[in-house]
């Protein structure tokens, strides 16, 4: 058995959290490779180290401000080292980063130093080997991940060490400069490491005891999901569920490695298992989770006999391609088509897009609907449960919420509902209550 563990920023925010993490790691000898995040918030009004570093970058030309701000960052790390009782110094590293400020190093370099320094401390505290992510995670010139080179290099590097700590969130470009993933990217690092070493389990440790059925900011004390498939999680992550970075799913999914979402502050909790194929054919509830996002625009196109016009859809989508825009959903009927797009993607040229569509397909009518929110109801149990869609629609009708769009994937794994943004939160609450509290 071999386990890769990733610990989030809240799990490594201070010395007390470091001790919890060390106890977790040392409790099982199979926990061999650890991915560390930068220190997160110690209390609600605290500031994450990564945000502090980025603030320094934004004030790069204000030497006095940068000096004061970076001193506060240094002191956070000095405090962790002192409270852990370590005979260890990061002063040389601090000096190097200060020199980088003077030389105006790139934004990604500064953003990555939180993970780099924290992983150094954790490796020292655990007496594990420190492996710099910049030496084994690689990006192409266009900024995309060089997946196979990364996989091969991580595998070769880590086979030399029985135990190691790797900083999350970043890798290197072909010219050696630092490149970061998007925020939350330490999840991706953990997934890449798990795949490279052929881990049996990838444990992702955070401050919640698994994946919740719905955002706890919207619904009070939502249920925890005990088991979820990669496909279900992918749908929920895409629609805003934030326990695990969306891109972190792919490397381990390809290798068939399960992910266990665990709580650093309650390690005895089972958490959520994310698997290729669920042990049970259906979840405890008909639905596995609900997630949603505001900020969409729908283009409604009507034309008689649209279904008989060869190339109609291709010409419409070609218009989006010419504007370098991806569509989110494409529900359609015999004489109608709806294209759902992210509002920010088209805000500067809505008129150009609609005019181009008119030129290409000459519709009977074309209408834009702004201020649309999408709500995804996801669950493998929906396939075998009759009346699921009717139950969703009744929940919304009872809450006096008008449905503006419906889209169901061919796998019957999810149903996407479009509602007005003002009804977005109420829609999620209504669906959750109908499936969970009334069952």
Protein backbone atom coordinates (compact mmCIF):
# COMPACT_ATOMS: atom_id res chain seq x y z
CA UNK A 1 0.00 0.00 0.00
CA UNK A 2 1.32 3.44 -0.97
CA UNK A 3 -0.42 6.72 -0.18
CA UNK A 4 0.15 10.25 -1.42
CA UNK A 5 -1.17 13.02 0.83
CA UNK A 6 -1.87 16.65 0.04
CA UNK A 7 -2.48 19.14 2.86
CA UNK A 8 -4.27 22.42 2.20
CA UNK A 9 -3.39 25.85 3.54
CA UNK A 10 -5.64 25.64 6.60
CA UNK A 11 -3.95 22.34 7.51
CA UNK A 12 -0.52 24.02 7.52
CA UNK A 13 -1.39 27.49 8.78
CA UNK A 14 0.66 27.39 11.98
CA UNK A 15 2.75 25.15 14.23
CA UNK A 16 -0.28 23.57 15.92
CA UNK A 17 -1.60 22.48 12.53
CA UNK A 18 1.87 21.19 11.55
CA UNK A 19 1.78 18.91 14.59
CA UNK A 20 -1.62 17.55 13.59
CA UNK A 21 -0.34 16.92 10.09
CA UNK A 22 2.78 15.17 11.35
CA UNK A 23 0.69 12.91 13.61
CA UNK A 24 -1.51 11.96 10.66
CA UNK A 25 1.45 11.21 8.40
CA UNK A 26 3.41 9.25 10.97
CA UNK A 27 0.38 7.16 11.98
CA UNK A 28 0.74 5.04 8.81
CA UNK A 29 4.04 4.08 7.21
CA UNK A 30 2.24 3.86 3.85
CA UNK A 31 1.87 7.67 3.86
CA UNK A 32 5.08 8.33 1.97
CA UNK A 33 4.80 11.33 -0.32
CA UNK A 34 3.41 14.62 0.95
CA UNK A 35 2.32 17.68 -1.04
CA UNK A 36 2.27 20.92 0.96
CA UNK A 37 0.30 24.11 0.43
CA UNK A 38 1.24 27.60 1.61
CA UNK A 39 0.05 28.68 5.08
CA UNK A 40 -3.61 29.62 5.02
CA UNK A 41 -5.66 31.64 7.46
CA UNK A 42 -5.13 31.01 11.19
CA UNK A 43 -8.36 32.86 12.03
CA UNK A 44 -11.16 34.45 10.01
CA UNK A 45 -9.56 37.90 9.65
CA UNK A 46 -6.10 36.51 8.88
CA UNK A 47 -4.45 36.77 5.45
CA UNK A 48 -3.18 33.80 3.45
CA UNK A 49 0.55 33.82 2.74
CA UNK A 50 -0.05 33.56 -1.02
CA UNK A 51 -2.22 36.68 -0.90
CA UNK A 52 0.49 38.47 1.06
CA UNK A 53 3.10 37.50 -1.53
CA UNK A 54 0.90 38.66 -4.39
CA UNK A 55 0.31 41.93 -2.55
CA UNK A 56 4.10 42.39 -2.41
CA UNK A 57 4.25 41.79 -6.15
CA UNK A 58 1.54 44.38 -6.81
CA UNK A 59 3.66 46.94 -4.89
CA UNK A 60 6.94 45.85 -6.44
CA UNK A 61 8.11 49.40 -7.09
CA UNK A 62 7.30 50.60 -3.56
CA UNK A 63 10.39 49.32 -1.77
CA UNK A 64 9.34 50.49 1.69
CA UNK A 65 5.92 48.85 1.43
CA UNK A 66 7.38 45.63 0.02
CA UNK A 67 10.05 45.48 2.73
CA UNK A 68 7.47 45.86 5.50
CA UNK A 69 5.07 43.36 3.93
CA UNK A 70 7.70 40.72 3.26
CA UNK A 71 9.03 41.08 6.80
CA UNK A 72 5.54 40.09 8.00
CA UNK A 73 5.71 37.01 5.74
CA UNK A 74 9.16 36.10 7.06
CA UNK A 75 7.90 36.40 10.62
CA UNK A 76 5.03 33.98 9.92
CA UNK A 77 7.55 31.33 8.90
CA UNK A 78 9.95 32.18 11.71
CA UNK A 79 7.08 31.76 14.18
CA UNK A 80 6.21 28.31 12.79
CA UNK A 81 9.85 27.18 12.97
CA UNK A 82 10.26 28.54 16.53
CA UNK A 83 6.99 27.04 17.80
CA UNK A 84 7.97 23.65 16.36
CA UNK A 85 11.28 23.84 18.19
CA UNK A 86 13.26 23.30 15.00
CA UNK A 87 16.95 24.07 14.64
CA UNK A 88 16.40 25.39 11.14
CA UNK A 89 16.72 28.64 9.25
CA UNK A 90 15.12 30.01 6.10
CA UNK A 91 17.14 33.22 6.15
CA UNK A 92 19.06 32.36 2.98
CA UNK A 93 15.78 31.62 1.21
CA UNK A 94 14.32 34.92 2.40
CA UNK A 95 17.41 36.70 1.06
CA UNK A 96 16.97 35.04 -2.34
CA UNK A 97 13.32 36.10 -2.54
CA UNK A 98 14.18 39.68 -1.56
CA UNK A 99 16.77 39.70 -4.34
CA UNK A 100 14.07 38.50 -6.72
CA UNK A 101 11.94 41.48 -5.69
CA UNK A 102 14.78 43.83 -6.57
CA UNK A 103 15.23 42.06 -9.92
CA UNK A 104 11.48 42.18 -10.61
CA UNK A 105 10.98 38.44 -10.98
CA UNK A 106 7.67 37.22 -12.39
CA UNK A 107 4.34 37.08 -10.59
CA UNK A 108 4.23 33.27 -10.62
CA UNK A 109 7.59 33.07 -8.89
CA UNK A 110 6.37 35.09 -5.91
CA UNK A 111 3.01 33.31 -5.82
CA UNK A 112 4.80 29.95 -5.55
CA UNK A 113 7.14 30.82 -2.69
CA UNK A 114 4.53 30.18 -0.02
CA UNK A 115 4.36 26.49 -0.92
CA UNK A 116 8.11 26.29 -1.43
CA UNK A 117 8.97 27.64 2.04
CA UNK A 118 6.23 25.69 3.83
CA UNK A 119 7.31 22.42 2.21
CA UNK A 120 10.88 23.11 3.33
CA UNK A 121 9.74 23.42 6.94
CA UNK A 122 7.49 20.35 6.76
CA UNK A 123 10.26 18.24 5.23
CA UNK A 124 12.61 19.29 8.04
CA UNK A 125 9.99 18.63 10.72
CA UNK A 126 9.19 15.16 9.34
CA UNK A 127 12.83 14.39 8.47
CA UNK A 128 11.71 13.69 4.89
CA UNK A 129 13.50 14.58 1.66
CA UNK A 130 12.50 17.92 0.12
CA UNK A 131 11.86 17.71 -3.64
CA UNK A 132 11.35 21.01 -5.46
CA UNK A 133 8.30 20.88 -7.74
CA UNK A 134 10.17 23.07 -10.20
CA UNK A 135 12.54 20.18 -10.87
CA UNK A 136 9.88 17.62 -11.77
CA UNK A 137 6.68 19.36 -12.93
CA UNK A 138 6.94 20.90 -16.38
CA UNK A 139 4.90 23.20 -18.61
CA UNK A 140 5.09 23.70 -22.35
CA UNK A 141 5.84 27.07 -23.94
CA UNK A 142 2.12 27.74 -24.36
CA UNK A 143 1.56 27.28 -20.62
CA UNK A 144 -0.07 23.86 -20.84
CA UNK A 145 1.17 21.06 -18.62
CA UNK A 146 3.73 18.71 -20.19
CA UNK A 147 1.92 15.70 -18.75
CA UNK A 148 4.12 12.83 -19.86
CA UNK A 149 7.45 14.51 -19.10
CA UNK A 150 6.09 15.44 -15.69
CA UNK A 151 4.86 11.91 -15.01
CA UNK A 152 8.14 10.32 -16.05
CA UNK A 153 10.30 12.77 -14.11
CA UNK A 154 8.30 12.60 -10.86
CA UNK A 155 8.45 8.80 -11.04
CA UNK A 156 12.23 8.76 -11.54
CA UNK A 157 12.91 11.35 -8.86
CA UNK A 158 10.71 9.85 -6.16
CA UNK A 159 11.87 6.27 -6.69
CA UNK A 160 15.13 7.43 -5.08
CA UNK A 161 13.40 8.40 -1.84
CA UNK A 162 11.14 6.36 0.42
CA UNK A 163 9.63 9.52 1.94
CA UNK A 164 9.49 13.03 0.49
CA UNK A 165 7.72 16.40 0.68
CA UNK A 166 6.89 18.27 -2.53
CA UNK A 167 5.54 21.85 -2.63
CA UNK A 168 2.25 22.17 -4.48
CA UNK A 169 0.91 24.71 -6.93
CA UNK A 170 3.81 25.20 -9.34
CA UNK A 171 6.30 23.78 -11.82
CA UNK A 172 8.71 25.24 -14.36
CA UNK A 173 8.64 26.50 -17.95
CA UNK A 174 11.10 25.27 -20.61
CA UNK A 175 13.32 28.31 -19.89
CA UNK A 176 13.44 27.44 -16.18
CA UNK A 177 11.12 30.17 -14.91
CA UNK A 178 8.39 29.32 -12.42
CA UNK A 179 4.85 28.69 -13.65
CA UNK A 180 1.88 28.20 -11.29
CA UNK A 181 -1.39 26.38 -11.69
CA UNK A 182 -4.57 28.34 -11.01
CA UNK A 183 -5.42 28.95 -7.35
CA UNK A 184 -6.01 25.70 -5.49
CA UNK A 185 -3.49 24.03 -7.78
CA UNK A 186 -1.82 22.07 -5.00
CA UNK A 187 -4.64 19.56 -5.56
CA UNK A 188 -3.28 19.08 -9.08
CA UNK A 189 0.26 18.55 -7.79
CA UNK A 190 -0.96 15.88 -5.42
CA UNK A 191 -2.84 14.15 -8.22
CA UNK A 192 0.22 14.24 -10.50
CA UNK A 193 2.41 12.75 -7.78
CA UNK A 194 -0.16 10.04 -7.02
CA UNK A 195 -0.30 9.03 -10.66
CA UNK A 196 3.48 9.08 -11.10
CA UNK A 197 4.18 6.78 -8.13
CA UNK A 198 1.14 4.57 -8.84
CA UNK A 199 -0.34 5.29 -5.42
CA UNK A 200 -3.08 3.09 -4.04
CA UNK A 201 -4.88 6.11 -2.56
CA UNK A 202 -4.53 9.88 -2.90
CA UNK A 203 -5.57 11.48 0.41
CA UNK A 204 -6.56 15.12 0.09
CA UNK A 205 -6.60 16.71 3.55
CA UNK A 206 -8.54 19.90 4.11
CA UNK A 207 -10.72 21.53 6.80
CA UNK A 208 -13.97 19.69 6.04
CA UNK A 209 -14.86 16.03 6.54
CA UNK A 210 -15.47 15.29 2.90
CA UNK A 211 -17.54 16.62 0.05
CA UNK A 212 -20.84 18.19 1.05
CA UNK A 213 -23.99 17.74 -1.01
CA UNK A 214 -24.33 21.48 -1.40
CA UNK A 215 -22.43 24.66 -0.53
CA UNK A 216 -22.75 25.14 3.27
CA UNK A 217 -22.95 28.90 2.71
CA UNK A 218 -26.28 28.30 0.98
CA UNK A 219 -27.74 25.45 3.03
CA UNK A 220 -27.19 24.99 6.74
CA UNK A 221 -25.43 21.75 7.78
CA UNK A 222 -25.72 19.89 4.45
CA UNK A 223 -25.09 16.15 4.37
CA UNK A 224 -21.66 14.74 3.59
CA UNK A 225 -21.33 12.49 0.56
CA UNK A 226 -19.71 9.21 1.56
CA UNK A 227 -18.90 8.04 -1.95
CA UNK A 228 -18.87 9.77 -5.34
CA UNK A 229 -17.58 8.84 -8.77
CA UNK A 230 -15.06 10.86 -10.76
CA UNK A 231 -17.76 11.68 -13.30
CA UNK A 232 -20.11 13.03 -10.65
CA UNK A 233 -17.37 15.09 -9.05
CA UNK A 234 -16.32 16.45 -12.43
CA UNK A 235 -19.86 17.71 -13.01
CA UNK A 236 -20.08 19.31 -9.57
CA UNK A 237 -16.58 20.84 -9.72
CA UNK A 238 -17.32 22.36 -13.10
CA UNK A 239 -20.41 24.00 -11.66
CA UNK A 240 -18.65 25.52 -8.68
CA UNK A 241 -18.17 22.86 -5.98
CA UNK A 242 -14.79 23.81 -4.48
CA UNK A 243 -13.54 21.01 -2.23
CA UNK A 244 -11.21 19.73 -4.95
CA UNK A 245 -9.65 21.59 -7.87
CA UNK A 246 -11.45 20.57 -11.06
CA UNK A 247 -8.23 19.72 -12.96
CA UNK A 248 -6.99 17.50 -10.12
CA UNK A 249 -9.41 14.78 -11.12
CA UNK A 250 -7.87 13.84 -14.46
CA UNK A 251 -4.42 12.41 -13.56
CA UNK A 252 -5.74 10.04 -10.90
CA UNK A 253 -8.84 9.18 -12.89
CA UNK A 254 -6.61 8.09 -15.77
CA UNK A 255 -4.69 5.82 -13.40
CA UNK A 256 -7.79 4.58 -11.55
CA UNK A 257 -6.54 5.89 -8.19
CA UNK A 258 -9.25 6.70 -5.62
CA UNK A 259 -9.20 10.04 -3.79
CA UNK A 260 -10.12 10.29 -0.11
CA UNK A 261 -11.17 13.78 1.03
CA UNK A 262 -10.27 13.98 4.74
CA UNK A 263 -10.38 16.52 7.58
CA UNK A 264 -7.07 17.41 9.24
CA UNK A 265 -8.95 18.55 12.35
CA UNK A 266 -11.06 15.36 12.53
CA UNK A 267 -8.83 12.63 11.07
CA UNK A 268 -11.05 9.88 12.46
CA UNK A 269 -13.89 10.92 10.13
CA UNK A 270 -14.15 8.70 7.04
CA UNK A 271 -14.54 11.62 4.67
CA UNK A 272 -15.55 11.14 1.05
CA UNK A 273 -14.19 8.47 -1.28
CA UNK A 274 -13.94 9.50 -4.94
CA UNK A 275 -13.78 6.40 -7.13
CA UNK A 276 -13.90 5.28 -10.76
CA UNK A 277 -16.91 3.04 -10.17
CA UNK A 278 -19.09 3.21 -7.11
CA UNK A 279 -19.36 0.14 -4.93
CA UNK A 280 -23.10 0.74 -4.71
CA UNK A 281 -25.14 1.32 -7.85
CA UNK A 282 -26.94 4.26 -6.31
CA UNK A 283 -26.05 6.81 -3.67
CA UNK A 284 -27.71 7.10 -0.27
CA UNK A 285 -29.92 9.72 -1.86
CA UNK A 286 -31.19 9.76 -5.42
CA UNK A 287 -28.96 12.76 -6.02
CA UNK A 288 -25.30 13.01 -5.02
CA UNK A 289 -24.94 16.78 -5.00
CA UNK A 290 -26.18 20.16 -6.17
CA UNK A 291 -23.99 23.00 -7.42
CA UNK A 292 -24.52 26.12 -9.42
CA UNK A 293 -23.06 29.31 -10.82
CA UNK A 294 -24.48 32.69 -11.88
CA UNK A 295 -23.08 34.69 -14.76
CA UNK A 296 -24.45 33.12 -17.93
CA UNK A 297 -26.14 34.38 -21.08
CA UNK A 298 -28.38 32.32 -23.37
CA UNK A 299 -28.85 32.95 -27.08
CA UNK A 300 -32.21 31.62 -28.26
CA UNK A 301 -32.49 30.90 -31.99
CA UNK A 302 -35.75 29.99 -33.73
CA UNK A 303 -36.21 28.88 -37.34
CA UNK A 304 -38.88 26.72 -38.95
CA UNK A 305 -37.54 23.40 -40.28
CA UNK A 306 -34.18 23.99 -38.61
CA UNK A 307 -33.77 20.24 -38.18
CA UNK A 308 -33.93 19.74 -41.95
CA UNK A 309 -31.29 22.34 -42.77
CA UNK A 310 -27.96 20.54 -43.23
CA UNK A 311 -25.05 22.27 -41.45
CA UNK A 312 -27.25 24.64 -39.41
CA UNK A 313 -25.66 23.88 -36.04
CA UNK A 314 -22.17 23.83 -37.54
CA UNK A 315 -22.58 27.33 -38.94
CA UNK A 316 -23.86 28.68 -35.63
CA UNK A 317 -20.96 27.15 -33.71
CA UNK A 318 -18.51 28.37 -36.34
CA UNK A 319 -19.57 31.90 -35.41
CA UNK A 320 -18.53 31.26 -31.80
CA UNK A 321 -15.28 29.71 -32.95
CA UNK A 322 -14.49 32.80 -35.01
CA UNK A 323 -14.82 34.85 -31.81
CA UNK A 324 -12.74 32.31 -29.85
CA UNK A 325 -15.66 31.46 -27.54
CA UNK A 326 -16.60 28.10 -26.02
CA UNK A 327 -20.23 27.26 -25.33
CA UNK A 328 -21.35 25.73 -22.04
CA UNK A 329 -24.59 23.99 -23.05
CA UNK A 330 -26.53 23.49 -26.26
CA UNK A 331 -30.13 22.37 -25.61
CA UNK A 332 -32.23 22.24 -28.76
CA UNK A 333 -35.60 21.31 -30.25
CA UNK A 334 -36.86 20.70 -33.77
CA UNK A 335 -37.15 24.38 -34.62
CA UNK A 336 -35.18 25.94 -31.75
CA UNK A 337 -31.65 26.07 -30.43
CA UNK A 338 -30.29 27.59 -27.23
CA UNK A 339 -26.62 28.38 -26.73
CA UNK A 340 -25.52 29.01 -23.14
CA UNK A 341 -22.34 31.07 -22.78
CA UNK A 342 -20.45 32.68 -19.94
CA UNK A 343 -21.51 36.32 -19.86
CA UNK A 344 -17.98 37.63 -19.32
CA UNK A 345 -16.81 35.86 -22.49
CA UNK A 346 -19.19 37.78 -24.74
CA UNK A 347 -19.81 41.05 -22.93
CA UNK A 348 -17.73 43.11 -25.36
CA UNK A 349 -19.21 41.79 -28.60
CA UNK A 350 -22.72 40.45 -28.07
CA UNK A 351 -23.99 42.47 -31.02
CA UNK A 352 -21.26 41.14 -33.32
CA UNK A 353 -22.08 37.54 -32.42
CA UNK A 354 -25.81 37.84 -32.97
CA UNK A 355 -25.26 39.75 -36.23
CA UNK A 356 -22.90 37.02 -37.47
CA UNK A 357 -25.39 34.30 -36.57
CA UNK A 358 -28.11 36.15 -38.49
CA UNK A 359 -25.84 36.34 -41.56
CA UNK A 360 -24.91 32.66 -41.41
CA UNK A 361 -28.28 30.99 -40.72
CA UNK A 362 -30.98 33.67 -41.26
CA UNK A 363 -33.12 32.68 -38.23
CA UNK A 364 -36.76 33.66 -37.83
CA UNK A 365 -35.82 35.21 -34.49
CA UNK A 366 -32.81 35.51 -32.18
CA UNK A 367 -33.00 36.60 -28.53
CA UNK A 368 -30.44 37.12 -25.77
CA UNK A 369 -31.23 36.34 -22.15
CA UNK A 370 -28.77 37.81 -19.64
CA UNK A 371 -28.54 37.33 -15.87
CA UNK A 372 -28.95 33.57 -16.10
CA UNK A 373 -27.73 31.14 -13.43
CA UNK A 374 -27.22 27.42 -13.94
CA UNK A 375 -27.97 24.81 -11.30
CA UNK A 376 -26.65 21.27 -11.73
CA UNK A 377 -28.37 18.35 -10.01
CA UNK A 378 -25.97 15.41 -10.17
CA UNK A 379 -26.30 11.76 -9.16
CA UNK A 380 -25.76 8.28 -10.52
CA UNK A 381 -28.92 7.27 -8.64
CA UNK A 382 -31.01 9.39 -10.99
CA UNK A 383 -30.72 6.80 -13.76
CA UNK A 384 -32.76 4.20 -11.90
CA UNK A 385 -35.08 6.52 -9.97
CA UNK A 386 -38.35 7.32 -11.75
CA UNK A 387 -39.71 10.83 -11.44
CA UNK A 388 -36.43 12.59 -10.57
CA UNK A 389 -36.93 15.40 -13.09
CA UNK A 390 -40.55 15.84 -12.03
CA UNK A 391 -39.42 16.14 -8.42
CA UNK A 392 -36.90 18.85 -9.34
CA UNK A 393 -39.49 20.80 -11.32
CA UNK A 394 -42.05 20.50 -8.51
CA UNK A 395 -39.50 21.80 -5.98
CA UNK A 396 -38.93 24.86 -8.14
CA UNK A 397 -42.63 25.36 -8.86
CA UNK A 398 -43.44 25.20 -5.14
CA UNK A 399 -40.78 27.87 -4.57
CA UNK A 400 -42.34 29.99 -7.33
CA UNK A 401 -39.17 29.84 -9.43
CA UNK A 402 -39.46 30.04 -13.20
CA UNK A 403 -37.28 27.63 -15.23
CA UNK A 404 -35.68 29.30 -18.25
CA UNK A 405 -33.71 26.33 -19.60
CA UNK A 406 -33.42 22.56 -19.13
CA UNK A 407 -30.56 20.37 -20.32
CA UNK A 408 -29.98 16.70 -19.48
CA UNK A 409 -26.88 14.81 -20.56
CA UNK A 410 -27.23 11.54 -22.46
CA UNK A 411 -25.73 9.64 -19.53
CA UNK A 412 -28.61 10.77 -17.28
CA UNK A 413 -26.00 11.64 -14.67
CA UNK A 414 -27.08 15.25 -14.34
CA UNK A 415 -29.84 17.72 -15.07
CA UNK A 416 -28.94 21.37 -15.68
CA UNK A 417 -31.60 23.98 -14.96
CA UNK A 418 -31.33 27.63 -15.98
CA UNK A 419 -33.01 30.16 -13.71
CA UNK A 420 -32.80 33.90 -13.26
CA UNK A 421 -29.85 34.94 -11.12
CA UNK A 422 -32.15 36.42 -8.47
CA UNK A 423 -33.62 32.92 -7.94
CA UNK A 424 -30.28 31.07 -7.95
CA UNK A 425 -29.85 30.47 -4.20
CA UNK A 426 -33.55 29.81 -3.62
CA UNK A 427 -33.49 27.18 -6.38
CA UNK A 428 -30.60 25.29 -4.78
CA UNK A 429 -32.27 25.37 -1.38
CA UNK A 430 -35.59 24.20 -2.79
CA UNK A 431 -34.08 21.22 -4.62
CA UNK A 432 -31.97 20.20 -1.62
CA UNK A 433 -34.94 20.32 0.73
CA UNK A 434 -37.10 18.30 -1.67
CA UNK A 435 -34.57 15.47 -2.03
CA UNK A 436 -33.01 15.40 1.42
CA UNK A 437 -35.18 16.94 4.10
CA UNK A 438 -38.50 15.64 2.73
CA UNK A 439 -37.33 12.05 2.10
